[in-house]
Amino acid sequence: MGVFWHSILALIAFSLVDSSVYLMNDLLDLDSDRANPRKKDRSLAAGTIPIAGGTALIPVLFLAGLAIALAHGWAFVGILVLYNLLTVA
């Protein structure tokens, strides 16, 4: 596999892990997002995506990202886990 495809896989892995953090943030800020005129129409705040569905997607996205990251080795997995921990903190 060439450098291009490794880069694409890394981008997909990072995007999946980052999406899990984004969903978690949206769930934690749900009440304030619903009260905000600009954010009230977001999928979770508006109820387009059920809260249970958003909650269930967090580990799915995170684990899918880590599984793809394994193509780059454990060091890259560690970087993604560290990124996730720092972002959540």
N, C-alpha and C. Protein backbone atom coordinates (compact mmCIF):
# COMPACT_ATOMS: atom_id res chain seq x y z
N MET A 1 0.86 -1.18 0.00
CA MET A 1 0.00 0.00 0.00
C MET A 1 0.91 1.24 0.00
N GLY A 2 0.58 2.19 -0.86
CA GLY A 2 1.41 3.36 -1.00
C GLY A 2 1.14 4.43 0.05
N VAL A 3 1.97 5.44 0.01
CA VAL A 3 1.87 6.54 0.96
C VAL A 3 0.51 7.24 0.85
N PHE A 4 0.01 7.38 -0.37
CA PHE A 4 -1.28 8.05 -0.56
C PHE A 4 -2.39 7.33 0.21
N TRP A 5 -2.46 6.00 0.05
CA TRP A 5 -3.53 5.24 0.70
C TRP A 5 -3.34 5.18 2.21
N HIS A 6 -2.10 5.15 2.67
CA HIS A 6 -1.86 5.22 4.11
C HIS A 6 -2.35 6.57 4.67
N SER A 7 -2.12 7.61 3.90
CA SER A 7 -2.59 8.94 4.32
C SER A 7 -4.11 9.01 4.35
N ILE A 8 -4.75 8.43 3.38
CA ILE A 8 -6.22 8.40 3.33
C ILE A 8 -6.77 7.63 4.54
N LEU A 9 -6.17 6.48 4.83
CA LEU A 9 -6.61 5.69 5.99
C LEU A 9 -6.40 6.45 7.29
N ALA A 10 -5.28 7.15 7.39
CA ALA A 10 -5.02 7.94 8.60
C ALA A 10 -6.06 9.05 8.74
N LEU A 11 -6.41 9.69 7.64
CA LEU A 11 -7.42 10.74 7.65
C LEU A 11 -8.78 10.18 8.07
N ILE A 12 -9.14 9.03 7.54
CA ILE A 12 -10.42 8.41 7.90
C ILE A 12 -10.43 8.03 9.38
N ALA A 13 -9.34 7.44 9.86
CA ALA A 13 -9.26 7.05 11.27
C ALA A 13 -9.38 8.27 12.17
N PHE A 14 -8.64 9.32 11.85
CA PHE A 14 -8.70 10.54 12.65
C PHE A 14 -10.10 11.15 12.61
N SER A 15 -10.72 11.16 11.45
CA SER A 15 -12.06 11.73 11.31
C SER A 15 -13.08 10.97 12.14
N LEU A 16 -12.98 9.66 12.16
CA LEU A 16 -13.92 8.86 12.95
C LEU A 16 -13.75 9.12 14.44
N VAL A 17 -12.50 9.14 14.90
CA VAL A 17 -12.25 9.42 16.32
C VAL A 17 -12.71 10.83 16.68
N ASP A 18 -12.41 11.79 15.82
CA ASP A 18 -12.83 13.16 16.06
C ASP A 18 -14.35 13.29 16.06
N SER A 19 -15.02 12.55 15.20
CA SER A 19 -16.48 12.58 15.17
C SER A 19 -17.09 12.05 16.46
N SER A 20 -16.44 11.07 17.07
CA SER A 20 -16.94 10.56 18.36
C SER A 20 -16.84 11.64 19.43
N VAL A 21 -15.77 12.42 19.40
CA VAL A 21 -15.61 13.52 20.35
C VAL A 21 -16.66 14.61 20.08
N TYR A 22 -16.89 14.90 18.82
CA TYR A 22 -17.88 15.91 18.44
C TYR A 22 -19.27 15.52 18.93
N LEU A 23 -19.63 14.25 18.75
CA LEU A 23 -20.93 13.78 19.22
C LEU A 23 -21.05 13.88 20.74
N MET A 24 -19.97 13.49 21.44
CA MET A 24 -19.98 13.57 22.89
C MET A 24 -20.18 15.01 23.34
N ASN A 25 -19.48 15.92 22.70
CA ASN A 25 -19.62 17.34 23.03
C ASN A 25 -21.04 17.83 22.78
N ASP A 26 -21.61 17.43 21.66
CA ASP A 26 -22.99 17.84 21.35
C ASP A 26 -23.98 17.30 22.38
N LEU A 27 -23.76 16.08 22.83
CA LEU A 27 -24.65 15.51 23.85
C LEU A 27 -24.50 16.22 25.19
N LEU A 28 -23.27 16.58 25.53
CA LEU A 28 -23.04 17.28 26.80
C LEU A 28 -23.58 18.70 26.78
N ASP A 29 -23.60 19.31 25.61
CA ASP A 29 -24.08 20.70 25.46
C ASP A 29 -25.51 20.78 24.94
N LEU A 30 -26.24 19.70 25.05
CA LEU A 30 -27.56 19.61 24.44
C LEU A 30 -28.51 20.72 24.90
N ASP A 31 -28.59 20.96 26.19
CA ASP A 31 -29.50 21.98 26.70
C ASP A 31 -29.13 23.38 26.22
N SER A 32 -27.84 23.70 26.25
CA SER A 32 -27.44 25.03 25.80
C SER A 32 -27.59 25.17 24.28
N ASP A 33 -27.36 24.08 23.54
CA ASP A 33 -27.56 24.13 22.09
C ASP A 33 -29.03 24.35 21.73
N ARG A 34 -29.93 23.74 22.49
CA ARG A 34 -31.36 23.91 22.23
C ARG A 34 -31.81 25.35 22.51
N ALA A 35 -31.13 26.01 23.44
CA ALA A 35 -31.49 27.39 23.78
C ALA A 35 -30.81 28.40 22.86
N ASN A 36 -29.81 27.97 22.11
CA ASN A 36 -29.05 28.87 21.24
C ASN A 36 -29.75 28.97 19.88
N PRO A 37 -30.06 30.19 19.42
CA PRO A 37 -30.77 30.33 18.14
C PRO A 37 -29.99 29.79 16.94
N ARG A 38 -28.67 29.81 16.98
CA ARG A 38 -27.88 29.29 15.85
C ARG A 38 -27.68 27.79 15.92
N LYS A 39 -27.67 27.21 17.13
CA LYS A 39 -27.36 25.80 17.29
C LYS A 39 -28.60 24.93 17.48
N LYS A 40 -29.75 25.53 17.66
CA LYS A 40 -30.97 24.77 17.98
C LYS A 40 -31.41 23.84 16.85
N ASP A 41 -30.95 24.08 15.63
CA ASP A 41 -31.35 23.25 14.50
C ASP A 41 -30.38 22.12 14.20
N ARG A 42 -29.33 21.98 15.02
CA ARG A 42 -28.41 20.85 14.84
C ARG A 42 -29.17 19.55 15.10
N SER A 43 -28.70 18.49 14.51
CA SER A 43 -29.44 17.23 14.51
C SER A 43 -29.84 16.73 15.89
N LEU A 44 -28.92 16.72 16.83
CA LEU A 44 -29.25 16.24 18.18
C LEU A 44 -30.14 17.23 18.92
N ALA A 45 -29.82 18.50 18.83
CA ALA A 45 -30.61 19.51 19.54
C ALA A 45 -32.03 19.58 19.00
N ALA A 46 -32.19 19.41 17.71
CA ALA A 46 -33.52 19.47 17.10
C ALA A 46 -34.29 18.16 17.24
N GLY A 47 -33.61 17.10 17.65
CA GLY A 47 -34.27 15.82 17.80
C GLY A 47 -34.33 15.00 16.52
N THR A 48 -33.66 15.45 15.47
CA THR A 48 -33.62 14.70 14.21
C THR A 48 -32.93 13.36 14.42
N ILE A 49 -31.85 13.37 15.20
CA ILE A 49 -31.16 12.15 15.59
C ILE A 49 -31.51 11.90 17.05
N PRO A 50 -32.05 10.74 17.38
CA PRO A 50 -32.40 10.46 18.77
C PRO A 50 -31.15 10.46 19.67
N ILE A 51 -31.31 10.87 20.89
CA ILE A 51 -30.19 10.92 21.83
C ILE A 51 -29.57 9.55 22.00
N ALA A 52 -30.41 8.51 22.06
CA ALA A 52 -29.89 7.14 22.20
C ALA A 52 -29.02 6.76 21.00
N GLY A 53 -29.43 7.19 19.81
CA GLY A 53 -28.64 6.91 18.61
C GLY A 53 -27.30 7.62 18.64
N GLY A 54 -27.31 8.87 19.05
CA GLY A 54 -26.06 9.63 19.16
C GLY A 54 -25.14 9.03 20.19
N THR A 55 -25.71 8.62 21.31
CA THR A 55 -24.92 8.00 22.37
C THR A 55 -24.31 6.68 21.90
N ALA A 56 -25.08 5.89 21.18
CA ALA A 56 -24.59 4.60 20.70
C ALA A 56 -23.50 4.77 19.64
N LEU A 57 -23.55 5.86 18.90
CA LEU A 57 -22.55 6.08 17.84
C LEU A 57 -21.17 6.45 18.38
N ILE A 58 -21.11 7.01 19.57
CA ILE A 58 -19.81 7.46 20.11
C ILE A 58 -18.80 6.32 20.16
N PRO A 59 -19.09 5.21 20.85
CA PRO A 59 -18.08 4.13 20.87
C PRO A 59 -17.89 3.46 19.50
N VAL A 60 -18.93 3.42 18.69
CA VAL A 60 -18.81 2.81 17.36
C VAL A 60 -17.81 3.60 16.51
N LEU A 61 -17.96 4.92 16.49
CA LEU A 61 -17.04 5.76 15.71
C LEU A 61 -15.63 5.68 16.26
N PHE A 62 -15.50 5.73 17.58
CA PHE A 62 -14.18 5.68 18.22
C PHE A 62 -13.47 4.37 17.91
N LEU A 63 -14.16 3.26 18.10
CA LEU A 63 -13.54 1.95 17.87
C LEU A 63 -13.26 1.70 16.39
N ALA A 64 -14.13 2.19 15.52
CA ALA A 64 -13.87 2.05 14.08
C ALA A 64 -12.62 2.83 13.69
N GLY A 65 -12.47 4.03 14.25
CA GLY A 65 -11.27 4.81 13.99
C GLY A 65 -10.01 4.12 14.46
N LEU A 66 -10.08 3.52 15.65
CA LEU A 66 -8.91 2.81 16.17
C LEU A 66 -8.60 1.57 15.35
N ALA A 67 -9.64 0.88 14.90
CA ALA A 67 -9.42 -0.32 14.08
C ALA A 67 -8.72 0.04 12.78
N ILE A 68 -9.13 1.12 12.16
CA ILE A 68 -8.48 1.57 10.92
C ILE A 68 -7.06 2.05 11.20
N ALA A 69 -6.88 2.70 12.37
CA ALA A 69 -5.56 3.20 12.74
C ALA A 69 -4.54 2.07 12.91
N LEU A 70 -5.02 0.87 13.22
CA LEU A 70 -4.11 -0.26 13.38
C LEU A 70 -3.31 -0.54 12.11
N ALA A 71 -3.82 -0.11 10.96
CA ALA A 71 -3.07 -0.28 9.71
C ALA A 71 -1.74 0.48 9.76
N HIS A 72 -1.67 1.48 10.63
CA HIS A 72 -0.45 2.28 10.78
C HIS A 72 0.38 1.85 11.98
N GLY A 73 -0.12 0.93 12.77
CA GLY A 73 0.63 0.45 13.93
C GLY A 73 0.12 1.04 15.24
N TRP A 74 0.65 0.47 16.30
CA TRP A 74 0.20 0.85 17.64
C TRP A 74 0.56 2.27 18.02
N ALA A 75 1.63 2.80 17.45
CA ALA A 75 2.02 4.18 17.76
C ALA A 75 0.94 5.16 17.31
N PHE A 76 0.39 4.93 16.12
CA PHE A 76 -0.67 5.81 15.62
C PHE A 76 -1.94 5.64 16.45
N VAL A 77 -2.24 4.41 16.85
CA VAL A 77 -3.38 4.18 17.73
C VAL A 77 -3.19 4.97 19.02
N GLY A 78 -1.99 4.92 19.57
CA GLY A 78 -1.69 5.67 20.80
C GLY A 78 -1.87 7.17 20.62
N ILE A 79 -1.46 7.67 19.47
CA ILE A 79 -1.62 9.10 19.19
C ILE A 79 -3.10 9.47 19.15
N LEU A 80 -3.91 8.63 18.51
CA LEU A 80 -5.35 8.91 18.45
C LEU A 80 -6.01 8.84 19.82
N VAL A 81 -5.59 7.87 20.63
CA VAL A 81 -6.14 7.77 21.99
C VAL A 81 -5.73 9.00 22.80
N LEU A 82 -4.47 9.41 22.69
CA LEU A 82 -4.01 10.61 23.39
C LEU A 82 -4.77 11.84 22.92
N TYR A 83 -4.96 11.97 21.61
CA TYR A 83 -5.74 13.08 21.07
C TYR A 83 -7.15 13.09 21.66
N ASN A 84 -7.76 11.90 21.71
CA ASN A 84 -9.12 11.78 22.24
C ASN A 84 -9.15 12.21 23.70
N LEU A 85 -8.21 11.74 24.50
CA LEU A 85 -8.17 12.09 25.92
C LEU A 85 -7.97 13.58 26.13
N LEU A 86 -7.07 14.18 25.36
CA LEU A 86 -6.81 15.62 25.50
C LEU A 86 -8.01 16.44 25.06
N THR A 87 -8.69 16.01 24.02
CA THR A 87 -9.84 16.74 23.52
C THR A 87 -11.01 16.65 24.50
N VAL A 88 -11.22 15.48 25.06
CA VAL A 88 -12.32 15.29 26.01
C VAL A 88 -12.04 16.06 27.31
N ALA A 89 -10.77 16.09 27.71
CA ALA A 89 -10.41 16.80 28.95
C ALA A 89 -10.64 18.28 28.78
